[in-house]
Amino acid sequence: MSSEQMQVAIKELQDTMVVMAHIEKTQSEHIRELIDFRIQSEKFRIRTEQNLAEITDKLNGLIGYVAGQKPDRPKA
C-alpha cells in the first residue's frame, strides 16, 4: 500500500469516526429526551391516579349522603 493510499484510508477512517461521533451524540440526546418523557408520563399517571381516588371518595360520600348514610372518611 502506497503512502498516498494510506493517507486516503486514514482520511476515510477519520471521516467515519466523525460521523459515528455525531450519531452517538444524537442517540444520547434522543435517549435523554425519552427518559424525560417517561419521567413526565409517570408523574402524570401518579397525579391522575390520585385525582381519581379523590373523586371516587367524594362520589362515594355524595352517594352515601343522598342515600341517608354518613359518608365514609377519605383515607389519607
N, C-alpha and C. Protein backbone atom coordinates (compact mmCIF):
# COMPACT_ATOMS: atom_id res chain seq x y z
N MET A 1 0.86 -1.18 0.00
CA MET A 1 0.00 0.00 0.00
C MET A 1 0.90 1.23 0.00
N SER A 2 0.63 2.15 -0.91
CA SER A 2 1.46 3.34 -1.03
C SER A 2 1.11 4.37 0.04
N SER A 3 1.96 5.32 0.18
CA SER A 3 1.75 6.38 1.17
C SER A 3 0.47 7.16 0.87
N GLU A 4 0.24 7.38 -0.42
CA GLU A 4 -0.97 8.12 -0.82
C GLU A 4 -2.24 7.32 -0.45
N GLN A 5 -2.22 6.03 -0.68
CA GLN A 5 -3.36 5.18 -0.33
C GLN A 5 -3.57 5.15 1.19
N MET A 6 -2.46 5.14 1.92
CA MET A 6 -2.56 5.15 3.39
C MET A 6 -3.22 6.45 3.85
N GLN A 7 -2.83 7.56 3.23
CA GLN A 7 -3.40 8.85 3.60
C GLN A 7 -4.91 8.88 3.30
N VAL A 8 -5.31 8.33 2.18
CA VAL A 8 -6.72 8.27 1.80
C VAL A 8 -7.48 7.40 2.80
N ALA A 9 -6.90 6.25 3.15
CA ALA A 9 -7.54 5.35 4.10
C ALA A 9 -7.68 6.02 5.47
N ILE A 10 -6.65 6.72 5.91
CA ILE A 10 -6.69 7.43 7.20
C ILE A 10 -7.77 8.51 7.17
N LYS A 11 -7.86 9.25 6.07
CA LYS A 11 -8.87 10.30 5.93
C LYS A 11 -10.27 9.70 5.98
N GLU A 12 -10.48 8.57 5.30
CA GLU A 12 -11.78 7.91 5.32
C GLU A 12 -12.13 7.46 6.73
N LEU A 13 -11.16 6.90 7.43
CA LEU A 13 -11.41 6.47 8.82
C LEU A 13 -11.75 7.67 9.71
N GLN A 14 -11.03 8.76 9.53
CA GLN A 14 -11.32 9.96 10.32
C GLN A 14 -12.73 10.48 10.03
N ASP A 15 -13.10 10.51 8.78
CA ASP A 15 -14.44 10.96 8.40
C ASP A 15 -15.51 10.04 9.01
N THR A 16 -15.24 8.74 8.94
CA THR A 16 -16.18 7.77 9.51
C THR A 16 -16.32 7.97 11.01
N MET A 17 -15.22 8.22 11.68
CA MET A 17 -15.26 8.44 13.14
C MET A 17 -16.04 9.71 13.49
N VAL A 18 -15.91 10.74 12.68
CA VAL A 18 -16.67 11.97 12.90
C VAL A 18 -18.17 11.69 12.77
N VAL A 19 -18.53 10.94 11.74
CA VAL A 19 -19.94 10.59 11.54
C VAL A 19 -20.45 9.74 12.71
N MET A 20 -19.66 8.77 13.13
CA MET A 20 -20.05 7.91 14.25
C MET A 20 -20.22 8.72 15.54
N ALA A 21 -19.34 9.67 15.76
CA ALA A 21 -19.44 10.52 16.95
C ALA A 21 -20.72 11.34 16.91
N HIS A 22 -21.06 11.85 15.74
CA HIS A 22 -22.30 12.63 15.60
C HIS A 22 -23.52 11.75 15.85
N ILE A 23 -23.50 10.53 15.31
CA ILE A 23 -24.61 9.60 15.53
C ILE A 23 -24.75 9.28 17.01
N GLU A 24 -23.63 9.03 17.67
CA GLU A 24 -23.67 8.73 19.11
C GLU A 24 -24.23 9.91 19.91
N LYS A 25 -23.83 11.12 19.54
CA LYS A 25 -24.34 12.32 20.23
C LYS A 25 -25.84 12.44 20.03
N THR A 26 -26.30 12.24 18.81
CA THR A 26 -27.72 12.33 18.51
C THR A 26 -28.51 11.27 19.27
N GLN A 27 -27.99 10.05 19.31
CA GLN A 27 -28.66 8.97 20.04
C GLN A 27 -28.74 9.30 21.53
N SER A 28 -27.68 9.83 22.08
CA SER A 28 -27.68 10.20 23.50
C SER A 28 -28.73 11.26 23.80
N GLU A 29 -28.86 12.23 22.90
CA GLU A 29 -29.88 13.26 23.07
C GLU A 29 -31.28 12.65 23.03
N HIS A 30 -31.50 11.74 22.09
CA HIS A 30 -32.81 11.09 21.98
C HIS A 30 -33.11 10.26 23.23
N ILE A 31 -32.11 9.58 23.74
CA ILE A 31 -32.31 8.78 24.95
C ILE A 31 -32.66 9.68 26.12
N ARG A 32 -31.97 10.81 26.26
CA ARG A 32 -32.30 11.77 27.34
C ARG A 32 -33.73 12.28 27.19
N GLU A 33 -34.12 12.60 25.96
CA GLU A 33 -35.50 13.06 25.73
C GLU A 33 -36.51 11.98 26.08
N LEU A 34 -36.21 10.74 25.73
CA LEU A 34 -37.10 9.63 26.04
C LEU A 34 -37.21 9.44 27.55
N ILE A 35 -36.09 9.52 28.26
CA ILE A 35 -36.11 9.39 29.72
C ILE A 35 -36.95 10.51 30.33
N ASP A 36 -36.75 11.74 29.87
CA ASP A 36 -37.54 12.87 30.38
C ASP A 36 -39.03 12.65 30.12
N PHE A 37 -39.36 12.16 28.94
CA PHE A 37 -40.76 11.89 28.62
C PHE A 37 -41.33 10.82 29.54
N ARG A 38 -40.58 9.76 29.79
CA ARG A 38 -41.05 8.69 30.68
C ARG A 38 -41.25 9.21 32.09
N ILE A 39 -40.36 10.07 32.57
CA ILE A 39 -40.50 10.64 33.91
C ILE A 39 -41.76 11.49 33.99
N GLN A 40 -41.97 12.34 32.99
CA GLN A 40 -43.16 13.18 32.99
C GLN A 40 -44.43 12.34 32.88
N SER A 41 -44.38 11.28 32.08
CA SER A 41 -45.54 10.40 31.95
C SER A 41 -45.87 9.72 33.27
N GLU A 42 -44.84 9.29 33.99
CA GLU A 42 -45.05 8.62 35.28
C GLU A 42 -45.63 9.61 36.30
N LYS A 43 -45.12 10.84 36.31
CA LYS A 43 -45.67 11.86 37.22
C LYS A 43 -47.14 12.12 36.89
N PHE A 44 -47.46 12.20 35.61
CA PHE A 44 -48.84 12.44 35.20
C PHE A 44 -49.73 11.27 35.61
N ARG A 45 -49.23 10.04 35.43
CA ARG A 45 -50.00 8.85 35.81
C ARG A 45 -50.28 8.84 37.31
N ILE A 46 -49.28 9.16 38.11
CA ILE A 46 -49.46 9.20 39.57
C ILE A 46 -50.48 10.27 39.95
N ARG A 47 -50.35 11.45 39.35
CA ARG A 47 -51.28 12.55 39.65
C ARG A 47 -52.71 12.17 39.22
N THR A 48 -52.84 11.51 38.08
CA THR A 48 -54.15 11.08 37.61
C THR A 48 -54.77 10.06 38.56
N GLU A 49 -53.97 9.12 39.03
CA GLU A 49 -54.48 8.12 39.99
C GLU A 49 -54.91 8.78 41.29
N GLN A 50 -54.15 9.78 41.77
CA GLN A 50 -54.52 10.49 42.99
C GLN A 50 -55.84 11.24 42.79
N ASN A 51 -55.96 11.90 41.66
CA ASN A 51 -57.19 12.63 41.37
C ASN A 51 -58.38 11.68 41.29
N LEU A 52 -58.18 10.54 40.65
CA LEU A 52 -59.25 9.55 40.53
C LEU A 52 -59.67 9.03 41.92
N ALA A 53 -58.70 8.78 42.79
CA ALA A 53 -59.01 8.32 44.14
C ALA A 53 -59.80 9.38 44.91
N GLU A 54 -59.41 10.64 44.78
CA GLU A 54 -60.13 11.72 45.46
C GLU A 54 -61.56 11.85 44.92
N ILE A 55 -61.71 11.78 43.61
CA ILE A 55 -63.04 11.87 43.01
C ILE A 55 -63.90 10.70 43.46
N THR A 56 -63.31 9.51 43.52
CA THR A 56 -64.05 8.32 43.96
C THR A 56 -64.52 8.49 45.39
N ASP A 57 -63.64 8.98 46.27
CA ASP A 57 -64.03 9.21 47.66
C ASP A 57 -65.16 10.23 47.76
N LYS A 58 -65.06 11.29 47.01
CA LYS A 58 -66.11 12.31 47.03
C LYS A 58 -67.43 11.77 46.49
N LEU A 59 -67.34 11.01 45.42
CA LEU A 59 -68.55 10.42 44.84
C LEU A 59 -69.20 9.44 45.81
N ASN A 60 -68.39 8.60 46.45
CA ASN A 60 -68.92 7.67 47.45
C ASN A 60 -69.57 8.42 48.61
N GLY A 61 -68.96 9.51 49.04
CA GLY A 61 -69.55 10.32 50.10
C GLY A 61 -70.87 10.92 49.67
N LEU A 62 -70.94 11.42 48.47
CA LEU A 62 -72.17 12.01 47.95
C LEU A 62 -73.26 10.94 47.82
N ILE A 63 -72.89 9.77 47.34
CA ILE A 63 -73.86 8.67 47.22
C ILE A 63 -74.39 8.30 48.61
N GLY A 64 -73.49 8.21 49.57
CA GLY A 64 -73.90 7.90 50.94
C GLY A 64 -74.79 8.98 51.52
N TYR A 65 -74.49 10.22 51.26
CA TYR A 65 -75.29 11.33 51.77
C TYR A 65 -76.69 11.29 51.17
N VAL A 66 -76.75 11.07 49.87
CA VAL A 66 -78.04 11.01 49.19
C VAL A 66 -78.85 9.82 49.69
N ALA A 67 -78.18 8.73 50.00
CA ALA A 67 -78.87 7.54 50.49
C ALA A 67 -79.22 7.65 51.97
N GLY A 68 -78.84 8.74 52.62
CA GLY A 68 -79.14 8.94 54.04
C GLY A 68 -78.15 8.30 54.98
N GLN A 69 -76.98 7.99 54.47
CA GLN A 69 -75.95 7.40 55.30
C GLN A 69 -74.87 8.44 55.55
N LYS A 70 -74.05 8.16 56.59
CA LYS A 70 -72.90 9.04 56.84
C LYS A 70 -71.84 8.70 55.78
N PRO A 71 -71.25 9.74 55.23
CA PRO A 71 -70.18 9.47 54.24
C PRO A 71 -68.96 8.93 54.96
N ASP A 72 -68.26 8.02 54.28
CA ASP A 72 -67.00 7.49 54.82
C ASP A 72 -65.94 8.59 54.80
N ARG A 73 -65.06 8.52 55.78
CA ARG A 73 -63.94 9.45 55.79
C ARG A 73 -62.93 9.03 54.72
N PRO A 74 -62.43 10.01 53.95
CA PRO A 74 -61.44 9.64 52.96
C PRO A 74 -60.17 9.12 53.64
N LYS A 75 -59.55 8.13 53.01
CA LYS A 75 -58.31 7.58 53.55
C LYS A 75 -57.15 8.48 53.15
N ALA A 76 -56.24 8.67 54.08
CA ALA A 76 -55.11 9.56 53.83
C ALA A 76 -54.07 8.92 52.98
